[in-house]
Amino acid sequence: MKNKLLGINIYLLLISLLAILTVIVSIFLIRKSTEEQFGCDVIDDNEPTVIQIDSSNTEVIRGQAVFSENCKTCHAVHTQEVGPELYRILYRRSEKWAKQYIRNSQVLLSKKDTAAINLAKQYSDIKYPHQFENLTDGDLDALFMFIDAECHYGSHLK
């Protein structure tokens, strides 16, 4: 009788551990799916930039202004508009690459940069305006902070 009870207890323990493991894996998969959906994951480890955000940060507000004045006509943070969505820019590419592409993508295209070439092919119907050479590093840093904050906080910024 003791052996049978011991066997049942071990069986129940294994089922409990399996249930706990299932919950942990489910949480991980849901989190990963959410990160992929909203672009909060690292896709390319080519010097990815992850910026720590405080939603009350004045740089985020400044970045929102830079976005509204320079990007909003063709881009959205989470959805593709005329141009691609911007929410993954610093998770796919380095800050240096993103700044160079924003300021003048032709420089990267002339260097046969694969990512720039792929973007040009994907959006071949669109002529990317090169009017952003005037944006300072500070402007672009603020823009990236805004995009990252949108990724993490979304509509809570508005």
Protein backbone atom coordinates (compact mmCIF):
# COMPACT_ATOMS: atom_id res chain seq x y z
CA MET A 1 0.00 0.00 0.00
CA LYS A 2 2.88 2.40 0.86
CA ASN A 3 4.51 1.72 -2.52
CA LYS A 4 1.25 2.47 -4.29
CA LEU A 5 0.83 5.77 -2.35
CA LEU A 6 4.46 6.66 -3.05
CA GLY A 7 3.94 5.96 -6.74
CA ILE A 8 0.82 8.17 -6.79
CA ASN A 9 2.63 10.96 -4.95
CA ILE A 10 5.54 10.83 -7.43
CA TYR A 11 3.04 10.80 -10.30
CA LEU A 12 1.24 13.86 -8.86
CA LEU A 13 4.56 15.62 -8.29
CA LEU A 14 5.60 15.01 -11.90
CA ILE A 15 2.24 16.29 -13.18
CA SER A 16 2.59 19.39 -11.00
CA LEU A 17 6.12 20.03 -12.29
CA LEU A 18 4.92 19.54 -15.86
CA ALA A 19 2.09 22.03 -15.28
CA ILE A 20 4.51 24.59 -13.83
CA LEU A 21 6.89 24.09 -16.74
CA THR A 22 4.01 24.52 -19.19
CA VAL A 23 3.03 27.83 -17.55
CA ILE A 24 6.63 29.09 -17.66
CA VAL A 25 7.05 28.15 -21.32
CA SER A 26 3.68 29.74 -22.16
CA ILE A 27 4.67 32.99 -20.45
CA PHE A 28 7.97 33.02 -22.33
CA LEU A 29 6.25 32.38 -25.69
CA ILE A 30 3.60 35.04 -25.07
CA ARG A 31 6.29 37.53 -24.08
CA LYS A 32 8.39 36.66 -27.13
CA SER A 33 5.36 36.97 -29.41
CA THR A 34 4.55 40.38 -27.93
CA GLU A 35 8.15 41.51 -28.34
CA GLU A 36 8.15 40.42 -31.97
CA GLN A 37 4.78 42.04 -32.60
CA PHE A 38 5.81 45.37 -31.14
CA GLY A 39 9.45 45.30 -32.18
CA CYS A 40 11.01 45.18 -28.75
CA ASP A 41 13.34 42.38 -29.65
CA VAL A 42 16.91 42.34 -30.90
CA ILE A 43 16.89 41.07 -34.48
CA ASP A 44 20.41 41.92 -35.57
CA ASP A 45 23.21 42.06 -33.04
CA ASN A 46 25.19 44.41 -35.30
CA GLU A 47 25.68 46.89 -32.45
CA PRO A 48 21.98 47.03 -31.50
CA THR A 49 21.01 50.10 -29.53
CA VAL A 50 18.67 49.76 -26.59
CA ILE A 51 17.87 53.06 -24.94
CA GLN A 52 16.58 53.30 -21.40
CA ILE A 53 13.38 55.34 -21.47
CA ASP A 54 11.56 57.45 -18.95
CA SER A 55 8.22 58.41 -20.51
CA SER A 56 8.37 61.84 -18.85
CA ASN A 57 11.79 62.49 -20.40
CA THR A 58 11.96 65.78 -22.31
CA GLU A 59 14.10 64.06 -24.96
CA VAL A 60 11.18 61.74 -25.73
CA ILE A 61 8.95 64.78 -26.20
CA ARG A 62 11.63 66.38 -28.38
CA GLY A 63 11.85 63.14 -30.39
CA GLN A 64 8.10 63.16 -30.87
CA ALA A 65 8.42 66.66 -32.33
CA VAL A 66 11.25 65.52 -34.64
CA PHE A 67 9.06 62.60 -35.74
CA SER A 68 6.03 64.81 -36.37
CA GLU A 69 8.03 67.38 -38.32
CA ASN A 70 10.17 65.02 -40.40
CA CYS A 71 8.85 61.46 -40.46
CA LYS A 72 5.10 61.37 -39.86
CA THR A 73 4.19 62.16 -43.46
CA CYS A 74 5.55 58.81 -44.66
CA HIS A 75 6.06 56.71 -41.52
CA ALA A 76 4.29 55.47 -38.42
CA VAL A 77 5.97 53.82 -35.46
CA HIS A 78 4.02 50.52 -35.48
CA THR A 79 2.43 50.28 -38.93
CA GLN A 80 3.66 50.48 -42.47
CA GLU A 81 2.48 53.62 -44.20
CA VAL A 82 4.10 55.02 -47.35
CA GLY A 83 7.43 53.91 -45.90
CA PRO A 84 8.25 51.14 -43.42
CA GLU A 85 7.25 51.17 -39.77
CA LEU A 86 10.03 52.55 -37.59
CA TYR A 87 9.59 50.54 -34.42
CA ARG A 88 12.43 48.12 -35.10
CA ILE A 89 15.02 50.51 -36.48
CA LEU A 90 17.45 50.27 -33.56
CA TYR A 91 16.79 46.61 -32.97
CA ARG A 92 17.78 45.70 -36.50
CA ARG A 93 20.62 48.12 -37.10
CA SER A 94 23.19 50.09 -35.20
CA GLU A 95 22.60 53.69 -34.22
CA LYS A 96 25.40 54.73 -36.58
CA TRP A 97 23.77 52.90 -39.51
CA ALA A 98 20.32 54.33 -38.77
CA LYS A 99 21.66 57.89 -38.55
CA GLN A 100 23.53 57.52 -41.81
CA TYR A 101 20.50 56.02 -43.58
CA ILE A 102 18.16 58.74 -42.31
CA ARG A 103 20.53 61.52 -43.30
CA ASN A 104 21.46 60.16 -46.72
CA SER A 105 20.67 56.58 -47.70
CA GLN A 106 22.60 57.01 -50.96
CA VAL A 107 25.88 56.80 -49.02
CA LEU A 108 24.96 53.32 -47.79
CA LEU A 109 23.63 52.30 -51.19
CA SER A 110 26.90 53.37 -52.84
CA LYS A 111 28.77 51.19 -50.33
CA LYS A 112 26.57 48.24 -51.39
CA ASP A 113 25.10 47.96 -47.89
CA THR A 114 22.79 44.94 -48.00
CA ALA A 115 20.15 46.35 -45.64
CA ALA A 116 19.98 49.64 -47.54
CA ILE A 117 19.73 47.79 -50.85
CA ASN A 118 16.92 45.58 -49.49
CA LEU A 119 14.99 48.61 -48.25
CA ALA A 120 15.45 50.33 -51.60
CA LYS A 121 14.14 47.24 -53.41
CA GLN A 122 11.22 46.78 -51.02
CA TYR A 123 10.15 50.41 -51.38
CA SER A 124 11.27 50.96 -54.97
CA ASP A 125 8.16 53.01 -55.77
CA ILE A 126 9.10 55.58 -53.16
CA LYS A 127 11.74 58.25 -53.61
CA TYR A 128 13.25 58.72 -50.15
CA PRO A 129 13.71 62.47 -49.65
CA HIS A 130 17.21 63.44 -48.61
CA GLN A 131 16.11 66.45 -46.66
CA PHE A 132 17.22 65.06 -43.34
CA GLU A 133 20.92 65.87 -43.55
CA ASN A 134 20.19 68.85 -41.32
CA LEU A 135 19.13 66.66 -38.38
CA THR A 136 21.74 66.73 -35.63
CA ASP A 137 22.90 63.73 -33.63
CA GLY A 138 20.84 65.16 -30.77
CA ASP A 139 17.73 65.32 -32.98
CA LEU A 140 18.20 61.71 -34.08
CA ASP A 141 18.98 60.52 -30.54
CA ALA A 142 15.72 62.13 -29.39
CA LEU A 143 13.87 60.55 -32.34
CA PHE A 144 15.23 57.12 -31.43
CA MET A 145 14.20 57.67 -27.80
CA PHE A 146 10.68 58.55 -28.94
CA ILE A 147 10.47 55.45 -31.17
CA ASP A 148 11.75 53.24 -28.34
CA ALA A 149 9.34 54.84 -25.89
CA GLU A 150 6.47 54.22 -28.32
CA CYS A 151 7.59 50.61 -28.50
CA HIS A 152 7.50 50.21 -24.73
CA TYR A 153 4.80 52.64 -23.63
CA GLY A 154 2.71 53.08 -26.80
CA SER A 155 -0.31 55.30 -26.42
CA HIS A 156 0.64 56.16 -22.84
CA LEU A 157 2.97 58.80 -24.27
CA LYS A 158 0.17 60.84 -25.82
